[in-house]
Amino acid sequence: TPTCGPCLGGHMGILAKGERAVATTNRNFV
């Protein structure tokens, strides 16, 4: 369902230590 969750590391797609993601989102800060 629509959500901003993964874009800001909020929920539904959190990355673990050392993982890499390709994302169509707009920010890739630390």
PDB file of all heavy atoms in Angstrom:
ATOM      1  N   THR A   1       0.849  -1.188   0.000  1.00  0.00           N
ATOM      2  CA  THR A   1       0.000   0.000   0.000  1.00  0.00           C
ATOM      3  C   THR A   1       0.886   1.239   0.000  1.00  0.00           C
ATOM      4  O   THR A   1       2.049   1.177   0.427  1.00  0.00           O
ATOM      5  CB  THR A   1      -0.907  -0.005   1.241  1.00  0.00           C
ATOM      6  OG1 THR A   1      -1.834   1.073   1.153  1.00  0.00           O
ATOM      7  CG2 THR A   1      -0.107   0.172   2.518  1.00  0.00           C
ATOM      8  N   PRO A   2       0.400   2.383  -0.481  1.00  0.00           N
ATOM      9  CA  PRO A   2       1.223   3.592  -0.504  1.00  0.00           C
ATOM     10  C   PRO A   2       1.752   3.969   0.873  1.00  0.00           C
ATOM     11  O   PRO A   2       1.011   3.982   1.853  1.00  0.00           O
ATOM     12  CB  PRO A   2       0.249   4.664  -1.017  1.00  0.00           C
ATOM     13  CG  PRO A   2      -0.753   3.906  -1.821  1.00  0.00           C
ATOM     14  CD  PRO A   2      -0.918   2.598  -1.112  1.00  0.00           C
ATOM     15  N   THR A   3       3.031   4.261   0.951  1.00  0.00           N
ATOM     16  CA  THR A   3       3.663   4.717   2.188  1.00  0.00           C
ATOM     17  C   THR A   3       5.035   5.284   1.871  1.00  0.00           C
ATOM     18  O   THR A   3       5.659   4.890   0.893  1.00  0.00           O
ATOM     19  CB  THR A   3       3.798   3.583   3.222  1.00  0.00           C
ATOM     20  OG1 THR A   3       4.441   4.094   4.398  1.00  0.00           O
ATOM     21  CG2 THR A   3       4.618   2.436   2.687  1.00  0.00           C
ATOM     22  N   CYS A   4       5.488   6.202   2.717  1.00  0.00           N
ATOM     23  CA  CYS A   4       6.845   6.743   2.605  1.00  0.00           C
ATOM     24  C   CYS A   4       7.842   5.895   3.387  1.00  0.00           C
ATOM     25  O   CYS A   4       9.038   6.185   3.362  1.00  0.00           O
ATOM     26  CB  CYS A   4       6.887   8.164   3.173  1.00  0.00           C
ATOM     27  SG  CYS A   4       5.805   9.342   2.349  1.00  0.00           S
ATOM     28  N   GLY A   5       7.355   4.883   4.080  1.00  0.00           N
ATOM     29  CA  GLY A   5       8.142   4.128   5.039  1.00  0.00           C
ATOM     30  C   GLY A   5       9.585   3.841   4.695  1.00  0.00           C
ATOM     31  O   GLY A   5      10.503   4.227   5.431  1.00  0.00           O
ATOM     32  N   PRO A   6       9.863   3.121   3.595  1.00  0.00           N
ATOM     33  CA  PRO A   6      11.244   2.740   3.322  1.00  0.00           C
ATOM     34  C   PRO A   6      12.141   3.901   2.920  1.00  0.00           C
ATOM     35  O   PRO A   6      13.346   3.862   3.131  1.00  0.00           O
ATOM     36  CB  PRO A   6      11.110   1.729   2.179  1.00  0.00           C
ATOM     37  CG  PRO A   6       9.847   2.095   1.497  1.00  0.00           C
ATOM     38  CD  PRO A   6       8.933   2.581   2.588  1.00  0.00           C
ATOM     39  N   CYS A   7      11.563   4.944   2.326  1.00  0.00           N
ATOM     40  CA  CYS A   7      12.364   6.055   1.816  1.00  0.00           C
ATOM     41  C   CYS A   7      13.178   6.711   2.921  1.00  0.00           C
ATOM     42  O   CYS A   7      14.348   7.050   2.732  1.00  0.00           O
ATOM     43  CB  CYS A   7      11.456   7.081   1.148  1.00  0.00           C
ATOM     44  SG  CYS A   7      12.304   8.555   0.554  1.00  0.00           S
ATOM     45  N   LEU A   8      12.566   6.903   4.092  1.00  0.00           N
ATOM     46  CA  LEU A   8      13.241   7.577   5.189  1.00  0.00           C
ATOM     47  C   LEU A   8      13.712   6.604   6.263  1.00  0.00           C
ATOM     48  O   LEU A   8      14.051   7.009   7.374  1.00  0.00           O
ATOM     49  CB  LEU A   8      12.334   8.634   5.815  1.00  0.00           C
ATOM     50  CG  LEU A   8      11.142   8.146   6.636  1.00  0.00           C
ATOM     51  CD1 LEU A   8      10.746   9.203   7.659  1.00  0.00           C
ATOM     52  CD2 LEU A   8       9.964   7.817   5.755  1.00  0.00           C
ATOM     53  N   GLY A   9      13.748   5.307   5.934  1.00  0.00           N
ATOM     54  CA  GLY A   9      14.170   4.337   6.935  1.00  0.00           C
ATOM     55  C   GLY A   9      13.188   4.214   8.068  1.00  0.00           C
ATOM     56  O   GLY A   9      13.550   3.944   9.214  1.00  0.00           O
ATOM     57  N   GLY A  10      11.906   4.436   7.774  1.00  0.00           N
ATOM     58  CA  GLY A  10      10.878   4.404   8.811  1.00  0.00           C
ATOM     59  C   GLY A  10      10.370   3.010   9.102  1.00  0.00           C
ATOM     60  O   GLY A  10      10.334   2.572  10.248  1.00  0.00           O
ATOM     61  N   HIS A  11       9.968   2.307   8.055  1.00  0.00           N
ATOM     62  CA  HIS A  11       9.525   0.922   8.194  1.00  0.00           C
ATOM     63  C   HIS A  11       9.352   0.323   6.801  1.00  0.00           C
ATOM     64  O   HIS A  11       9.489   0.996   5.781  1.00  0.00           O
ATOM     65  CB  HIS A  11       8.221   0.825   9.005  1.00  0.00           C
ATOM     66  CG  HIS A  11       6.994   1.363   8.309  1.00  0.00           C
ATOM     67  ND1 HIS A  11       5.762   0.785   8.443  1.00  0.00           N
ATOM     68  CD2 HIS A  11       6.811   2.424   7.497  1.00  0.00           C
ATOM     69  CE1 HIS A  11       4.871   1.461   7.744  1.00  0.00           C
ATOM     70  NE2 HIS A  11       5.479   2.469   7.152  1.00  0.00           N
ATOM     71  N   MET A  12       9.090  -0.976   6.775  1.00  0.00           N
ATOM     72  CA  MET A  12       8.809  -1.706   5.534  1.00  0.00           C
ATOM     73  C   MET A  12       9.960  -1.625   4.529  1.00  0.00           C
ATOM     74  O   MET A  12       9.782  -1.210   3.387  1.00  0.00           O
ATOM     75  CB  MET A  12       7.503  -1.214   4.898  1.00  0.00           C
ATOM     76  CG  MET A  12       6.304  -1.425   5.796  1.00  0.00           C
ATOM     77  SD  MET A  12       4.747  -0.824   5.110  1.00  0.00           S
ATOM     78  CE  MET A  12       4.449  -2.066   3.869  1.00  0.00           C
ATOM     79  N   GLY A  13      11.141  -2.012   4.972  1.00  0.00           N
ATOM     80  CA  GLY A  13      12.279  -2.025   4.064  1.00  0.00           C
ATOM     81  C   GLY A  13      13.558  -1.490   4.677  1.00  0.00           C
ATOM     82  O   GLY A  13      14.411  -0.944   3.966  1.00  0.00           O
ATOM     83  N   ILE A  14      13.726  -1.638   5.972  1.00  0.00           N
ATOM     84  CA  ILE A  14      14.905  -1.136   6.672  1.00  0.00           C
ATOM     85  C   ILE A  14      16.127  -1.957   6.277  1.00  0.00           C
ATOM     86  O   ILE A  14      16.079  -3.187   6.198  1.00  0.00           O
ATOM     87  CB  ILE A  14      14.708  -1.214   8.196  1.00  0.00           C
ATOM     88  CG1 ILE A  14      13.407  -0.521   8.605  1.00  0.00           C
ATOM     89  CG2 ILE A  14      15.894  -0.590   8.928  1.00  0.00           C
ATOM     90  CD1 ILE A  14      13.334   0.922   8.222  1.00  0.00           C
ATOM     91  N   LEU A  15      17.243  -1.269   6.061  1.00  0.00           N
ATOM     92  CA  LEU A  15      18.491  -1.937   5.703  1.00  0.00           C
ATOM     93  C   LEU A  15      19.316  -2.268   6.944  1.00  0.00           C
ATOM     94  O   LEU A  15      19.402  -1.477   7.881  1.00  0.00           O
ATOM     95  CB  LEU A  15      19.323  -1.046   4.782  1.00  0.00           C
ATOM     96  CG  LEU A  15      18.726  -0.708   3.415  1.00  0.00           C
ATOM     97  CD1 LEU A  15      19.655   0.232   2.665  1.00  0.00           C
ATOM     98  CD2 LEU A  15      18.479  -1.973   2.607  1.00  0.00           C
ATOM     99  N   ALA A  16      19.937  -3.440   6.931  1.00  0.00           N
ATOM    100  CA  ALA A  16      20.829  -3.861   8.006  1.00  0.00           C
ATOM    101  C   ALA A  16      22.245  -3.356   7.736  1.00  0.00           C
ATOM    102  O   ALA A  16      22.545  -2.830   6.653  1.00  0.00           O
ATOM    103  CB  ALA A  16      20.826  -5.384   8.117  1.00  0.00           C
ATOM    104  N   LYS A  17      23.109  -3.525   8.678  1.00  0.00           N
ATOM    105  CA  LYS A  17      24.507  -3.111   8.558  1.00  0.00           C
ATOM    106  C   LYS A  17      25.150  -3.770   7.333  1.00  0.00           C
ATOM    107  O   LYS A  17      25.024  -4.971   7.122  1.00  0.00           O
ATOM    108  CB  LYS A  17      25.275  -3.494   9.811  1.00  0.00           C
ATOM    109  CG  LYS A  17      26.752  -3.104   9.794  1.00  0.00           C
ATOM    110  CD  LYS A  17      27.424  -3.495  11.102  1.00  0.00           C
ATOM    111  CE  LYS A  17      28.898  -3.119  11.080  1.00  0.00           C
ATOM    112  NZ  LYS A  17      29.566  -3.479  12.369  1.00  0.00           N
ATOM    113  N   GLY A  18      25.800  -2.961   6.505  1.00  0.00           N
ATOM    114  CA  GLY A  18      26.519  -3.472   5.354  1.00  0.00           C
ATOM    115  C   GLY A  18      25.669  -3.738   4.124  1.00  0.00           C
ATOM    116  O   GLY A  18      26.212  -4.086   3.068  1.00  0.00           O
ATOM    117  N   GLU A  19      24.356  -3.566   4.214  1.00  0.00           N
ATOM    118  CA  GLU A  19      23.501  -3.843   3.060  1.00  0.00           C
ATOM    119  C   GLU A  19      23.444  -2.648   2.111  1.00  0.00           C
ATOM    120  O   GLU A  19      23.590  -1.495   2.524  1.00  0.00           O
ATOM    121  CB  GLU A  19      22.086  -4.210   3.518  1.00  0.00           C
ATOM    122  CG  GLU A  19      22.014  -5.571   4.184  1.00  0.00           C
ATOM    123  CD  GLU A  19      20.591  -6.044   4.393  1.00  0.00           C
ATOM    124  OE1 GLU A  19      19.735  -5.216   4.786  1.00  0.00           O
ATOM    125  OE2 GLU A  19      20.338  -7.236   4.161  1.00  0.00           O
ATOM    126  N   ARG A  20      23.209  -2.965   0.849  1.00  0.00           N
ATOM    127  CA  ARG A  20      23.097  -1.932  -0.187  1.00  0.00           C
ATOM    128  C   ARG A  20      21.725  -2.034  -0.856  1.00  0.00           C
ATOM    129  O   ARG A  20      21.244  -3.127  -1.113  1.00  0.00           O
ATOM    130  CB  ARG A  20      24.173  -2.102  -1.259  1.00  0.00           C
ATOM    131  CG  ARG A  20      25.601  -1.999  -0.773  1.00  0.00           C
ATOM    132  CD  ARG A  20      26.543  -1.992  -1.976  1.00  0.00           C
ATOM    133  NE  ARG A  20      27.936  -2.083  -1.564  1.00  0.00           N
ATOM    134  CZ  ARG A  20      28.641  -3.204  -1.587  1.00  0.00           C
ATOM    135  NH1 ARG A  20      28.077  -4.329  -2.022  1.00  0.00           N
ATOM    136  NH2 ARG A  20      29.892  -3.214  -1.206  1.00  0.00           N
ATOM    137  N   ALA A  21      21.162  -0.871  -1.158  1.00  0.00           N
ATOM    138  CA  ALA A  21      19.879  -0.832  -1.863  1.00  0.00           C
ATOM    139  C   ALA A  21      19.981   0.063  -3.081  1.00  0.00           C
ATOM    140  O   ALA A  21      20.672   1.089  -3.062  1.00  0.00           O
ATOM    141  CB  ALA A  21      18.772  -0.319  -0.948  1.00  0.00           C
ATOM    142  N   VAL A  22      19.303  -0.328  -4.142  1.00  0.00           N
ATOM    143  CA  VAL A  22      19.025   0.568  -5.262  1.00  0.00           C
ATOM    144  C   VAL A  22      17.599   1.056  -5.068  1.00  0.00           C
ATOM    145  O   VAL A  22      16.675   0.247  -4.926  1.00  0.00           O
ATOM    146  CB  VAL A  22      19.174  -0.144  -6.614  1.00  0.00           C
ATOM    147  CG1 VAL A  22      18.672   0.768  -7.745  1.00  0.00           C
ATOM    148  CG2 VAL A  22      20.623  -0.510  -6.870  1.00  0.00           C
ATOM    149  N   ALA A  23      17.407   2.360  -5.033  1.00  0.00           N
ATOM    150  CA  ALA A  23      16.085   2.912  -4.735  1.00  0.00           C
ATOM    151  C   ALA A  23      15.742   4.031  -5.693  1.00  0.00           C
ATOM    152  O   ALA A  23      16.610   4.815  -6.102  1.00  0.00           O
ATOM    153  CB  ALA A  23      16.035   3.426  -3.291  1.00  0.00           C
ATOM    154  N   THR A  24      14.470   4.126  -6.039  1.00  0.00           N
ATOM    155  CA  THR A  24      13.990   5.222  -6.881  1.00  0.00           C
ATOM    156  C   THR A  24      13.570   6.408  -6.026  1.00  0.00           C
ATOM    157  O   THR A  24      12.856   7.303  -6.497  1.00  0.00           O
ATOM    158  CB  THR A  24      12.809   4.771  -7.761  1.00  0.00           C
ATOM    159  OG1 THR A  24      11.686   4.485  -6.924  1.00  0.00           O
ATOM    160  CG2 THR A  24      13.174   3.544  -8.579  1.00  0.00           C
ATOM    161  N   THR A  25      13.997   6.432  -4.785  1.00  0.00           N
ATOM    162  CA  THR A  25      13.669   7.516  -3.864  1.00  0.00           C
ATOM    163  C   THR A  25      14.562   8.718  -4.153  1.00  0.00           C
ATOM    164  O   THR A  25      15.242   8.778  -5.177  1.00  0.00           O
ATOM    165  CB  THR A  25      13.814   7.024  -2.420  1.00  0.00           C
ATOM    166  OG1 THR A  25      15.133   6.464  -2.241  1.00  0.00           O
ATOM    167  CG2 THR A  25      12.796   5.946  -2.119  1.00  0.00           C
ATOM    168  N   ASN A  26      14.587   9.702  -3.263  1.00  0.00           N
ATOM    169  CA  ASN A  26      15.257  10.958  -3.590  1.00  0.00           C
ATOM    170  C   ASN A  26      16.470  11.297  -2.737  1.00  0.00           C
ATOM    171  O   ASN A  26      17.143  12.286  -3.010  1.00  0.00           O
ATOM    172  CB  ASN A  26      14.247  12.116  -3.531  1.00  0.00           C
ATOM    173  CG  ASN A  26      13.307  11.999  -2.355  1.00  0.00           C
ATOM    174  OD1 ASN A  26      13.711  11.646  -1.251  1.00  0.00           O
ATOM    175  ND2 ASN A  26      12.030  12.287  -2.580  1.00  0.00           N
ATOM    176  N   ARG A  27      16.752  10.504  -1.711  1.00  0.00           N
ATOM    177  CA  ARG A  27      17.887  10.822  -0.837  1.00  0.00           C
ATOM    178  C   ARG A  27      18.669   9.565  -0.500  1.00  0.00           C
ATOM    179  O   ARG A  27      18.089   8.490  -0.333  1.00  0.00           O
ATOM    180  CB  ARG A  27      17.407  11.502   0.455  1.00  0.00           C
ATOM    181  CG  ARG A  27      16.964  12.913   0.208  1.00  0.00           C
ATOM    182  CD  ARG A  27      16.532  13.644   1.447  1.00  0.00           C
ATOM    183  NE  ARG A  27      16.258  15.032   1.115  1.00  0.00           N
ATOM    184  CZ  ARG A  27      15.480  15.838   1.814  1.00  0.00           C
ATOM    185  NH1 ARG A  27      14.895  15.406   2.912  1.00  0.00           N
ATOM    186  NH2 ARG A  27      15.295  17.093   1.445  1.00  0.00           N
ATOM    187  N   ASN A  28      19.976   9.729  -0.380  1.00  0.00           N
ATOM    188  CA  ASN A  28      20.831   8.591  -0.052  1.00  0.00           C
ATOM    189  C   ASN A  28      21.862   8.962   1.002  1.00  0.00           C
ATOM    190  O   ASN A  28      23.004   8.496   0.965  1.00  0.00           O
ATOM    191  CB  ASN A  28      21.514   8.053  -1.320  1.00  0.00           C
ATOM    192  CG  ASN A  28      22.387   9.084  -2.016  1.00  0.00           C
ATOM    193  OD1 ASN A  28      22.317  10.277  -1.725  1.00  0.00           O
ATOM    194  ND2 ASN A  28      23.221   8.627  -2.932  1.00  0.00           N
ATOM    195  N   PHE A  29      21.444   9.810   1.957  1.00  0.00           N
ATOM    196  CA  PHE A  29      22.334  10.231   3.027  1.00  0.00           C
ATOM    197  C   PHE A  29      22.725   9.042   3.909  1.00  0.00           C
ATOM    198  O   PHE A  29      22.103   7.976   3.850  1.00  0.00           O
ATOM    199  CB  PHE A  29      21.665  11.306   3.893  1.00  0.00           C
ATOM    200  CG  PHE A  29      21.125  12.475   3.124  1.00  0.00           C
ATOM    201  CD1 PHE A  29      20.032  13.181   3.588  1.00  0.00           C
ATOM    202  CD2 PHE A  29      21.707  12.889   1.928  1.00  0.00           C
ATOM    203  CE1 PHE A  29      19.531  14.269   2.887  1.00  0.00           C
ATOM    204  CE2 PHE A  29      21.213  13.968   1.214  1.00  0.00           C
ATOM    205  CZ  PHE A  29      20.123  14.663   1.700  1.00  0.00           C
ATOM    206  N   VAL A  30      23.715   9.244   4.751  1.00  0.00           N
ATOM    207  CA  VAL A  30      24.151   8.200   5.682  1.00  0.00           C
ATOM    208  C   VAL A  30      22.967   7.765   6.550  1.00  0.00           C
ATOM    209  O   VAL A  30      22.292   8.587   7.172  1.00  0.00           O
ATOM    210  CB  VAL A  30      25.293   8.710   6.585  1.00  0.00           C
ATOM    211  CG1 VAL A  30      25.619   7.682   7.664  1.00  0.00           C
ATOM    212  CG2 VAL A  30      26.535   9.008   5.754  1.00  0.00           C
TER     213      VAL A  30
END
